[in-house]
Amino acid sequence: MTNSSKAIRVIVGIIWLIVAYFTYKQDQATYSVITLILAILFIVMAFRNPSDNFR
């Protein structure tokens, strides 16, 4: 995985964190939890080693 795709995944993860914050501020707890999980998933996948695939 190239550094540019890692950077894009981190940026998308940060955007999802911001979306989760604003949805939490609007008292939409369920949607904010879903977006928080999505943000964490993008950030973790950005730093995951591609050789760590399940075998």
PDB file of N, CA and C in Angstrom:
ATOM      1  N   MET A   1       0.846  -1.169   0.000  1.00  0.00           N
ATOM      2  CA  MET A   1       0.000   0.000   0.000  1.00  0.00           C
ATOM      3  C   MET A   1       0.893   1.234   0.000  1.00  0.00           C
ATOM      4  N   THR A   2       0.562   2.172  -0.825  1.00  0.00           N
ATOM      5  CA  THR A   2       1.391   3.367  -0.937  1.00  0.00           C
ATOM      6  C   THR A   2       1.064   4.351   0.175  1.00  0.00           C
ATOM      7  N   ASN A   3       1.966   5.304   0.350  1.00  0.00           N
ATOM      8  CA  ASN A   3       1.759   6.306   1.386  1.00  0.00           C
ATOM      9  C   ASN A   3       0.579   7.203   1.080  1.00  0.00           C
ATOM     10  N   SER A   4       0.306   7.436  -0.205  1.00  0.00           N
ATOM     11  CA  SER A   4      -0.825   8.305  -0.540  1.00  0.00           C
ATOM     12  C   SER A   4      -2.151   7.647  -0.187  1.00  0.00           C
ATOM     13  N   SER A   5      -2.266   6.334  -0.365  1.00  0.00           N
ATOM     14  CA  SER A   5      -3.521   5.682   0.010  1.00  0.00           C
ATOM     15  C   SER A   5      -3.667   5.623   1.527  1.00  0.00           C
ATOM     16  N   LYS A   6      -2.548   5.515   2.246  1.00  0.00           N
ATOM     17  CA  LYS A   6      -2.614   5.573   3.705  1.00  0.00           C
ATOM     18  C   LYS A   6      -3.079   6.952   4.155  1.00  0.00           C
ATOM     19  N   ALA A   7      -2.545   7.979   3.527  1.00  0.00           N
ATOM     20  CA  ALA A   7      -2.925   9.340   3.893  1.00  0.00           C
ATOM     21  C   ALA A   7      -4.401   9.589   3.600  1.00  0.00           C
ATOM     22  N   ILE A   8      -4.879   9.075   2.489  1.00  0.00           N
ATOM     23  CA  ILE A   8      -6.292   9.255   2.147  1.00  0.00           C
ATOM     24  C   ILE A   8      -7.179   8.554   3.170  1.00  0.00           C
ATOM     25  N   ARG A   9      -6.802   7.349   3.593  1.00  0.00           N
ATOM     26  CA  ARG A   9      -7.606   6.639   4.594  1.00  0.00           C
ATOM     27  C   ARG A   9      -7.593   7.352   5.932  1.00  0.00           C
ATOM     28  N   VAL A  10      -6.457   7.927   6.317  1.00  0.00           N
ATOM     29  CA  VAL A  10      -6.401   8.678   7.576  1.00  0.00           C
ATOM     30  C   VAL A  10      -7.277   9.926   7.479  1.00  0.00           C
ATOM     31  N   ILE A  11      -7.222  10.618   6.357  1.00  0.00           N
ATOM     32  CA  ILE A  11      -8.040  11.825   6.174  1.00  0.00           C
ATOM     33  C   ILE A  11      -9.522  11.474   6.209  1.00  0.00           C
ATOM     34  N   VAL A  12      -9.898  10.396   5.545  1.00  0.00           N
ATOM     35  CA  VAL A  12     -11.306   9.975   5.568  1.00  0.00           C
ATOM     36  C   VAL A  12     -11.718   9.588   6.986  1.00  0.00           C
ATOM     37  N   GLY A  13     -10.828   8.920   7.718  1.00  0.00           N
ATOM     38  CA  GLY A  13     -11.116   8.576   9.109  1.00  0.00           C
ATOM     39  C   GLY A  13     -11.312   9.801   9.981  1.00  0.00           C
ATOM     40  N   ILE A  14     -10.488  10.823   9.778  1.00  0.00           N
ATOM     41  CA  ILE A  14     -10.628  12.067  10.544  1.00  0.00           C
ATOM     42  C   ILE A  14     -11.940  12.765  10.197  1.00  0.00           C
ATOM     43  N   ILE A  15     -12.311  12.743   8.928  1.00  0.00           N
ATOM     44  CA  ILE A  15     -13.594  13.336   8.527  1.00  0.00           C
ATOM     45  C   ILE A  15     -14.740  12.602   9.203  1.00  0.00           C
ATOM     46  N   TRP A  16     -14.679  11.272   9.266  1.00  0.00           N
ATOM     47  CA  TRP A  16     -15.733  10.516   9.933  1.00  0.00           C
ATOM     48  C   TRP A  16     -15.750  10.807  11.430  1.00  0.00           C
ATOM     49  N   LEU A  17     -14.578  11.056  12.040  1.00  0.00           N
ATOM     50  CA  LEU A  17     -14.556  11.450  13.454  1.00  0.00           C
ATOM     51  C   LEU A  17     -15.264  12.778  13.668  1.00  0.00           C
ATOM     52  N   ILE A  18     -15.054  13.709  12.760  1.00  0.00           N
ATOM     53  CA  ILE A  18     -15.721  15.013  12.861  1.00  0.00           C
ATOM     54  C   ILE A  18     -17.229  14.855  12.685  1.00  0.00           C
ATOM     55  N   VAL A  19     -17.633  14.013  11.731  1.00  0.00           N
ATOM     56  CA  VAL A  19     -19.060  13.750  11.526  1.00  0.00           C
ATOM     57  C   VAL A  19     -19.662  13.114  12.770  1.00  0.00           C
ATOM     58  N   ALA A  20     -18.940  12.179  13.391  1.00  0.00           N
ATOM     59  CA  ALA A  20     -19.434  11.537  14.609  1.00  0.00           C
ATOM     60  C   ALA A  20     -19.598  12.548  15.732  1.00  0.00           C
ATOM     61  N   TYR A  21     -18.676  13.483  15.844  1.00  0.00           N
ATOM     62  CA  TYR A  21     -18.780  14.509  16.886  1.00  0.00           C
ATOM     63  C   TYR A  21     -20.019  15.377  16.689  1.00  0.00           C
ATOM     64  N   PHE A  22     -20.230  15.832  15.454  1.00  0.00           N
ATOM     65  CA  PHE A  22     -21.373  16.710  15.216  1.00  0.00           C
ATOM     66  C   PHE A  22     -22.704  15.975  15.331  1.00  0.00           C
ATOM     67  N   THR A  23     -22.749  14.705  14.957  1.00  0.00           N
ATOM     68  CA  THR A  23     -23.998  13.962  15.141  1.00  0.00           C
ATOM     69  C   THR A  23     -24.266  13.698  16.615  1.00  0.00           C
ATOM     70  N   TYR A  24     -23.207  13.531  17.408  1.00  0.00           N
ATOM     71  CA  TYR A  24     -23.388  13.377  18.848  1.00  0.00           C
ATOM     72  C   TYR A  24     -23.913  14.671  19.476  1.00  0.00           C
ATOM     73  N   LYS A  25     -23.429  15.801  18.981  1.00  0.00           N
ATOM     74  CA  LYS A  25     -23.896  17.094  19.489  1.00  0.00           C
ATOM     75  C   LYS A  25     -25.364  17.327  19.167  1.00  0.00           C
ATOM     76  N   GLN A  26     -25.875  16.675  18.113  1.00  0.00           N
ATOM     77  CA  GLN A  26     -27.275  16.826  17.730  1.00  0.00           C
ATOM     78  C   GLN A  26     -28.154  15.750  18.359  1.00  0.00           C
ATOM     79  N   ASP A  27     -27.653  15.060  19.374  1.00  0.00           N
ATOM     80  CA  ASP A  27     -28.376  14.017  20.110  1.00  0.00           C
ATOM     81  C   ASP A  27     -28.822  12.865  19.221  1.00  0.00           C
ATOM     82  N   GLN A  28     -27.976  12.471  18.299  1.00  0.00           N
ATOM     83  CA  GLN A  28     -28.220  11.290  17.476  1.00  0.00           C
ATOM     84  C   GLN A  28     -27.171  10.256  17.850  1.00  0.00           C
ATOM     85  N   ALA A  29     -27.356   9.653  19.019  1.00  0.00           N
ATOM     86  CA  ALA A  29     -26.330   8.780  19.585  1.00  0.00           C
ATOM     87  C   ALA A  29     -26.087   7.538  18.732  1.00  0.00           C
ATOM     88  N   THR A  30     -27.130   6.952  18.202  1.00  0.00           N
ATOM     89  CA  THR A  30     -26.957   5.722  17.423  1.00  0.00           C
ATOM     90  C   THR A  30     -26.114   5.977  16.175  1.00  0.00           C
ATOM     91  N   TYR A  31     -26.437   7.033  15.449  1.00  0.00           N
ATOM     92  CA  TYR A  31     -25.690   7.343  14.238  1.00  0.00           C
ATOM     93  C   TYR A  31     -24.263   7.759  14.569  1.00  0.00           C
ATOM     94  N   SER A  32     -24.058   8.430  15.689  1.00  0.00           N
ATOM     95  CA  SER A  32     -22.703   8.842  16.048  1.00  0.00           C
ATOM     96  C   SER A  32     -21.835   7.646  16.411  1.00  0.00           C
ATOM     97  N   VAL A  33     -22.404   6.629  17.030  1.00  0.00           N
ATOM     98  CA  VAL A  33     -21.641   5.421  17.343  1.00  0.00           C
ATOM     99  C   VAL A  33     -21.254   4.698  16.056  1.00  0.00           C
ATOM    100  N   ILE A  34     -22.176   4.630  15.104  1.00  0.00           N
ATOM    101  CA  ILE A  34     -21.885   3.980  13.827  1.00  0.00           C
ATOM    102  C   ILE A  34     -20.774   4.724  13.088  1.00  0.00           C
ATOM    103  N   THR A  35     -20.837   6.043  13.048  1.00  0.00           N
ATOM    104  CA  THR A  35     -19.802   6.801  12.351  1.00  0.00           C
ATOM    105  C   THR A  35     -18.471   6.744  13.092  1.00  0.00           C
ATOM    106  N   LEU A  36     -18.505   6.643  14.406  1.00  0.00           N
ATOM    107  CA  LEU A  36     -17.272   6.498  15.177  1.00  0.00           C
ATOM    108  C   LEU A  36     -16.595   5.165  14.861  1.00  0.00           C
ATOM    109  N   ILE A  37     -17.368   4.104  14.776  1.00  0.00           N
ATOM    110  CA  ILE A  37     -16.812   2.801  14.412  1.00  0.00           C
ATOM    111  C   ILE A  37     -16.228   2.848  13.004  1.00  0.00           C
ATOM    112  N   LEU A  38     -16.921   3.504  12.095  1.00  0.00           N
ATOM    113  CA  LEU A  38     -16.425   3.629  10.729  1.00  0.00           C
ATOM    114  C   LEU A  38     -15.116   4.416  10.693  1.00  0.00           C
ATOM    115  N   ALA A  39     -15.013   5.473  11.476  1.00  0.00           N
ATOM    116  CA  ALA A  39     -13.784   6.266  11.527  1.00  0.00           C
ATOM    117  C   ALA A  39     -12.619   5.451  12.060  1.00  0.00           C
ATOM    118  N   ILE A  40     -12.863   4.703  13.125  1.00  0.00           N
ATOM    119  CA  ILE A  40     -11.808   3.873  13.698  1.00  0.00           C
ATOM    120  C   ILE A  40     -11.377   2.804  12.696  1.00  0.00           C
ATOM    121  N   LEU A  41     -12.340   2.247  11.971  1.00  0.00           N
ATOM    122  CA  LEU A  41     -12.017   1.236  10.965  1.00  0.00           C
ATOM    123  C   LEU A  41     -11.114   1.808   9.879  1.00  0.00           C
ATOM    124  N   PHE A  42     -11.421   3.013   9.386  1.00  0.00           N
ATOM    125  CA  PHE A  42     -10.582   3.620   8.349  1.00  0.00           C
ATOM    126  C   PHE A  42      -9.180   3.905   8.873  1.00  0.00           C
ATOM    127  N   ILE A  43      -9.064   4.395  10.087  1.00  0.00           N
ATOM    128  CA  ILE A  43      -7.751   4.736  10.636  1.00  0.00           C
ATOM    129  C   ILE A  43      -6.925   3.469  10.893  1.00  0.00           C
ATOM    130  N   VAL A  44      -7.560   2.431  11.406  1.00  0.00           N
ATOM    131  CA  VAL A  44      -6.840   1.178  11.654  1.00  0.00           C
ATOM    132  C   VAL A  44      -6.398   0.549  10.342  1.00  0.00           C
ATOM    133  N   MET A  45      -7.259   0.569   9.341  1.00  0.00           N
ATOM    134  CA  MET A  45      -6.899  -0.015   8.049  1.00  0.00           C
ATOM    135  C   MET A  45      -5.778   0.773   7.367  1.00  0.00           C
ATOM    136  N   ALA A  46      -5.640   2.036   7.687  1.00  0.00           N
ATOM    137  CA  ALA A  46      -4.554   2.818   7.098  1.00  0.00           C
ATOM    138  C   ALA A  46      -3.198   2.361   7.629  1.00  0.00           C
ATOM    139  N   PHE A  47      -3.150   1.946   8.883  1.00  0.00           N
ATOM    140  CA  PHE A  47      -1.874   1.572   9.483  1.00  0.00           C
ATOM    141  C   PHE A  47      -1.666   0.066   9.568  1.00  0.00           C
ATOM    142  N   ARG A  48      -2.609  -0.694   9.062  1.00  0.00           N
ATOM    143  CA  ARG A  48      -2.489  -2.153   9.096  1.00  0.00           C
ATOM    144  C   ARG A  48      -1.500  -2.602   8.036  1.00  0.00           C
ATOM    145  N   ASN A  49      -0.704  -3.587   8.387  1.00  0.00           N
ATOM    146  CA  ASN A  49       0.280  -4.138   7.455  1.00  0.00           C
ATOM    147  C   ASN A  49      -0.449  -5.049   6.459  1.00  0.00           C
ATOM    148  N   PRO A  50      -0.237  -4.878   5.168  1.00  0.00           N
ATOM    149  CA  PRO A  50      -0.944  -5.712   4.192  1.00  0.00           C
ATOM    150  C   PRO A  50      -0.613  -7.197   4.292  1.00  0.00           C
ATOM    151  N   SER A  51       0.505  -7.533   4.902  1.00  0.00           N
ATOM    152  CA  SER A  51       0.862  -8.948   5.049  1.00  0.00           C
ATOM    153  C   SER A  51       0.144  -9.600   6.213  1.00  0.00           C
ATOM    154  N   ASP A  52      -0.665  -8.848   6.945  1.00  0.00           N
ATOM    155  CA  ASP A  52      -1.419  -9.395   8.090  1.00  0.00           C
ATOM    156  C   ASP A  52      -2.772  -9.944   7.679  1.00  0.00           C
ATOM    157  N   ASN A  53      -2.915 -10.375   6.452  1.00  0.00           N
ATOM    158  CA  ASN A  53      -4.192 -10.912   5.991  1.00  0.00           C
ATOM    159  C   ASN A  53      -4.506 -12.217   6.710  1.00  0.00           C
ATOM    160  N   PHE A  54      -5.781 -12.499   6.842  1.00  0.00           N
ATOM    161  CA  PHE A  54      -6.199 -13.735   7.492  1.00  0.00           C
ATOM    162  C   PHE A  54      -5.912 -14.915   6.576  1.00  0.00           C
ATOM    163  N   ARG A  55      -5.301 -15.940   7.120  1.00  0.00           N
ATOM    164  CA  ARG A  55      -4.975 -17.139   6.328  1.00  0.00           C
ATOM    165  C   ARG A  55      -5.445 -18.364   7.049  1.00  0.00           C
TER     166      ARG A  55
END
